Protein backbone atom coordinates (compact mmCIF):
# COMPACT_ATOMS: atom_id res chain seq x y z
CA UNK A 1 108.74 88.95 112.06
CA UNK A 2 106.81 89.37 115.28
CA UNK A 3 107.78 93.03 115.60
CA UNK A 4 106.68 93.79 112.05
CA UNK A 5 103.32 92.08 112.42
CA UNK A 6 102.66 93.55 115.86
CA UNK A 7 103.02 97.01 114.34
CA UNK A 8 100.56 96.10 111.62
CA UNK A 9 98.06 94.73 114.15
CA UNK A 10 97.80 98.24 115.63
CA UNK A 11 95.93 99.28 112.50
CA UNK A 12 92.13 99.10 112.24
CA UNK A 13 91.71 95.85 110.25
CA UNK A 14 88.53 96.87 108.40
CA UNK A 15 90.23 97.58 105.07
CA UNK A 16 92.56 94.61 105.41
CA UNK A 17 89.57 92.32 105.98
CA UNK A 18 87.81 93.80 102.96
CA UNK A 19 90.91 93.19 100.82
CA UNK A 20 91.09 89.53 101.80
CA UNK A 21 87.33 89.02 101.57
CA UNK A 22 87.25 90.31 98.00
CA UNK A 23 89.67 87.65 96.78
CA UNK A 24 88.57 84.62 94.84
CA UNK A 25 90.44 81.30 94.76
CA UNK A 26 93.07 79.99 92.37
CA UNK A 27 94.85 76.65 92.37
CA UNK A 28 98.53 76.97 91.41
CA UNK A 29 101.56 74.70 91.28
CA UNK A 30 104.47 77.13 91.19
CA UNK A 31 104.65 80.32 93.27
CA UNK A 32 105.55 82.35 90.18
CA UNK A 33 102.32 81.53 88.34
CA UNK A 34 100.70 84.49 90.11
CA UNK A 35 102.43 87.80 90.55
CA UNK A 36 101.49 91.40 91.30
CA UNK A 37 97.88 92.23 90.55
CA UNK A 38 96.88 88.57 90.30
CA UNK A 39 97.62 88.09 93.99
CA UNK A 40 95.33 90.99 94.81
CA UNK A 41 92.44 89.16 93.12
CA UNK A 42 92.88 85.54 94.21
CA UNK A 43 93.91 83.55 97.28
CA UNK A 44 96.37 80.77 96.49
CA UNK A 45 98.94 78.45 98.08
CA UNK A 46 101.63 76.97 95.84
CA UNK A 47 101.45 73.23 95.17
CA UNK A 48 97.98 72.97 96.65
CA UNK A 49 95.58 71.55 94.06
CA UNK A 50 92.57 70.87 96.30
CA UNK A 51 89.98 73.58 96.68
CA UNK A 52 88.63 72.26 100.00
CA UNK A 53 92.05 72.53 101.65
CA UNK A 54 92.61 75.98 100.16
CA UNK A 55 89.26 77.01 101.67
CA UNK A 56 90.31 75.63 105.08
CA UNK A 57 93.51 77.67 105.02
CA UNK A 58 91.78 80.84 103.88
CA UNK A 59 89.13 80.51 106.58
CA UNK A 60 91.88 80.31 109.21
CA UNK A 61 93.66 83.34 107.69
CA UNK A 62 90.42 85.35 107.80
CA UNK A 63 89.76 84.38 111.43
CA UNK A 64 93.33 85.31 112.38
CA UNK A 65 92.90 88.67 110.69
CA UNK A 66 89.48 89.47 112.16
CA UNK A 67 90.20 88.27 115.69
CA UNK A 68 93.94 88.99 115.96
CA UNK A 69 94.83 85.31 116.36
CA UNK A 70 98.48 84.40 116.82
CA UNK A 71 100.73 82.41 114.54
CA UNK A 72 100.70 79.57 117.06
CA UNK A 73 96.89 79.48 116.98
CA UNK A 74 96.98 79.39 113.18
CA UNK A 75 99.32 76.40 113.16
CA UNK A 76 97.33 74.50 115.78
CA UNK A 77 94.07 75.24 113.98
CA UNK A 78 95.26 73.75 110.70
CA UNK A 79 97.79 71.03 111.49
CA UNK A 80 95.30 68.26 112.35
CA UNK A 81 93.00 69.22 109.48
CA UNK A 82 95.79 69.12 106.90
CA UNK A 83 97.12 65.81 108.23
CA UNK A 84 93.65 64.21 108.08
CA UNK A 85 93.21 65.40 104.50
CA UNK A 86 96.62 64.09 103.47
CA UNK A 87 98.35 67.40 102.71
CA UNK A 88 101.28 67.20 105.09
CA UNK A 89 104.99 66.39 104.89
CA UNK A 90 107.04 65.48 101.83
CA UNK A 91 104.98 64.29 98.87
CA UNK A 92 105.40 63.40 95.21
CA UNK A 93 103.14 64.78 92.52
CA UNK A 94 103.26 65.60 88.82
CA UNK A 95 104.34 69.07 87.80
CA UNK A 96 101.58 70.16 85.38
CA UNK A 97 104.06 72.27 83.39
CA UNK A 98 106.82 69.70 82.83
CA UNK A 99 104.79 66.51 83.31
CA UNK A 100 107.52 65.17 85.58
CA UNK A 101 107.12 63.71 89.06
CA UNK A 102 108.38 66.16 91.67
CA UNK A 103 109.11 65.83 95.37
CA UNK A 104 107.71 68.81 97.25
CA UNK A 105 106.88 70.00 100.75
CA UNK A 106 103.14 70.00 101.43
CA UNK A 107 101.89 71.16 104.81
CA UNK A 108 104.36 71.71 107.64
CA UNK A 109 104.67 74.10 110.55
CA UNK A 110 107.24 76.08 108.58
CA UNK A 111 104.88 76.40 105.59
CA UNK A 112 102.00 77.43 107.83
CA UNK A 113 104.24 80.07 109.36
CA UNK A 114 105.01 81.44 105.89
CA UNK A 115 101.35 81.35 104.82
CA UNK A 116 100.26 83.15 107.98
CA UNK A 117 102.89 85.87 107.79
CA UNK A 118 102.65 86.47 104.05
CA UNK A 119 98.87 86.69 103.85
CA UNK A 120 98.32 88.81 106.95
CA UNK A 121 101.01 91.28 106.04
CA UNK A 122 99.80 91.52 102.43
CA UNK A 123 96.24 92.19 103.63
CA UNK A 124 97.28 94.82 106.17
CA UNK A 125 99.57 96.59 103.74
CA UNK A 126 96.86 96.64 101.07
CA UNK A 127 94.55 98.24 103.61
CA UNK A 128 97.24 100.70 104.61
CA UNK A 129 97.84 101.63 100.96
CA UNK A 130 94.20 102.68 100.73
CA UNK A 131 94.75 104.84 103.81
CA UNK A 132 97.81 106.38 102.15
CA UNK A 133 95.81 107.24 99.04
CA UNK A 134 92.96 108.68 101.10
CA UNK A 135 95.29 110.87 103.16
CA UNK A 136 97.63 111.86 100.30
CA UNK A 137 96.72 115.55 100.52
CA UNK A 138 97.62 115.70 104.23
CA UNK A 139 100.49 113.21 104.24
CA UNK A 140 102.06 112.92 100.78
CA UNK A 141 105.19 111.05 101.94
CA UNK A 142 105.96 107.45 102.95
CA UNK A 143 108.86 106.11 104.99
CA UNK A 144 110.27 102.62 104.40
CA UNK A 145 110.80 100.64 107.61
CA UNK A 146 112.71 97.35 107.64
CA UNK A 147 113.16 94.86 110.48
CA UNK A 148 116.90 95.10 111.00
CA UNK A 149 118.27 91.73 112.07
CA UNK A 150 120.52 88.98 110.76
CA UNK A 151 118.05 87.76 108.11
CA UNK A 152 117.10 91.15 106.63
CA UNK A 153 117.91 91.44 102.93
CA UNK A 154 120.75 93.96 102.37
CA UNK A 155 118.64 95.79 99.77
CA UNK A 156 115.82 96.20 102.30
CA UNK A 157 118.20 97.33 105.04
CA UNK A 158 119.55 99.99 102.67
CA UNK A 159 116.02 101.36 102.23
CA UNK A 160 115.31 101.51 105.97
CA UNK A 161 114.33 105.01 107.07
CA UNK A 162 114.26 106.41 103.54
CA UNK A 163 111.40 108.79 102.77
CA UNK A 164 109.73 109.01 99.37
CA UNK A 165 106.93 111.03 97.86
CA UNK A 166 103.84 108.87 97.64
CA UNK A 167 103.68 109.48 93.88
CA UNK A 168 107.34 108.50 93.33
CA UNK A 169 107.43 105.53 90.88
CA UNK A 170 109.95 103.88 93.22
CA UNK A 171 107.19 103.41 95.80
CA UNK A 172 105.30 101.07 93.46
CA UNK A 173 108.41 98.88 93.19
CA UNK A 174 109.24 98.64 96.90
CA UNK A 175 105.79 98.75 98.52
CA UNK A 176 105.69 96.21 101.33
CA UNK A 177 105.65 93.29 101.36
CA UNK A 178 108.64 93.83 99.10
CA UNK A 179 109.22 90.24 97.95
CA UNK A 180 108.70 86.76 99.35
CA UNK A 181 108.64 86.59 103.16
CA UNK A 182 109.37 90.32 103.39
CA UNK A 183 108.75 91.80 106.85
CA UNK A 184 109.10 95.47 105.91
CA UNK A 185 106.34 98.06 106.18
CA UNK A 186 105.73 101.67 105.25
CA UNK A 187 104.16 104.60 107.11
CA UNK A 188 102.79 107.84 105.75
CA UNK A 189 104.08 111.20 106.94
CA UNK A 190 103.09 114.84 106.55
CA UNK A 191 105.48 117.71 105.84
CA UNK A 192 105.12 118.78 109.48
CA UNK A 193 106.14 115.28 110.64
CA UNK A 194 109.13 115.30 108.30
CA UNK A 195 110.28 118.66 109.65
CA UNK A 196 109.78 117.61 113.29
CA UNK A 197 111.87 114.46 112.78
CA UNK A 198 114.53 116.07 110.63
CA UNK A 199 113.81 113.78 107.70
CA UNK A 200 114.63 114.50 104.08
CA UNK A 201 112.81 113.21 101.01
CA UNK A 202 114.90 110.85 98.88
CA UNK A 203 115.62 112.50 95.54
CA UNK A 204 118.18 110.10 94.08
CA UNK A 205 116.35 106.76 94.10
CA UNK A 206 116.73 104.79 90.90
CA UNK A 207 114.59 101.96 89.60
CA UNK A 208 116.94 99.33 88.29
CA UNK A 209 116.36 96.04 86.51
CA UNK A 210 118.49 92.95 86.38
CA UNK A 211 118.16 89.86 84.25
CA UNK A 212 117.69 86.48 85.92
CA UNK A 213 118.59 83.90 83.27
CA UNK A 214 117.33 80.90 85.27
CA UNK A 215 114.08 82.52 86.34
CA UNK A 216 110.66 81.04 85.45
CA UNK A 217 108.97 82.29 82.26
CA UNK A 218 107.76 85.86 82.61
CA UNK A 219 110.01 86.60 85.59
CA UNK A 220 113.35 86.92 83.81
CA UNK A 221 113.59 90.60 84.76
CA UNK A 222 113.60 91.68 88.41
CA UNK A 223 113.12 95.32 89.38
CA UNK A 224 114.51 96.99 92.46
CA UNK A 225 115.34 100.43 93.82
CA UNK A 226 118.85 101.62 94.58
CA UNK A 227 119.62 104.49 96.95
CA UNK A 228 122.91 106.16 97.91
CA UNK A 229 124.30 105.13 101.28
CA UNK A 230 126.08 107.37 103.84
CA UNK A 231 129.38 106.76 101.99
CA UNK A 232 127.86 107.76 98.65
CA UNK A 233 127.88 104.20 97.30
CA UNK A 234 124.61 103.05 95.79
CA UNK A 235 122.93 100.01 97.32
CA UNK A 236 120.09 97.97 95.83
């Protein structure tokens, strides 16, 4: 993840800061209660039902974004606060949907890592999307860039290096972050840059949907993009 975030940190953070600053707050229990556009409007952390703690976490995210603070700083900044307020370690609470007691993971260094990475990348990519839209006339293409290592999703690895027109519907489906804990990013390119690098625009991308029978309500259908690989086989 470090390589992906370090690339994002090279961007002027003004638009990313504005994106995060415009968000309100929302208390949620399950991660799937907010998807897509809802996440662009409200800051939330799953299974966190206390506004004061949510405000503490957001304040640390904003400072990390504005001042380029590291993940380690973020964890150190919040660990003592969350422990003092009782939101740390394994806990039992009532699921507001089912009414049943549920064991869940509250604060932990692993959760803080996820919160830091997810929120900073989402903010930077939202800012970058505005740059894409602003520069669409000059650079009407985007290239998908994945972090290629042992934990990269196969579907994301298959998209690595692929170039799409900015107005291709597939771009809306795969825009980074492309799923939970995604480390991918996208960069805009002009026709001159495509020619100089010998890149071709993807013309055979397909938006595909698959049914997830055990998914939470409203998320039974998952969309993705498949592209042909070097051997001609489609990968999604």
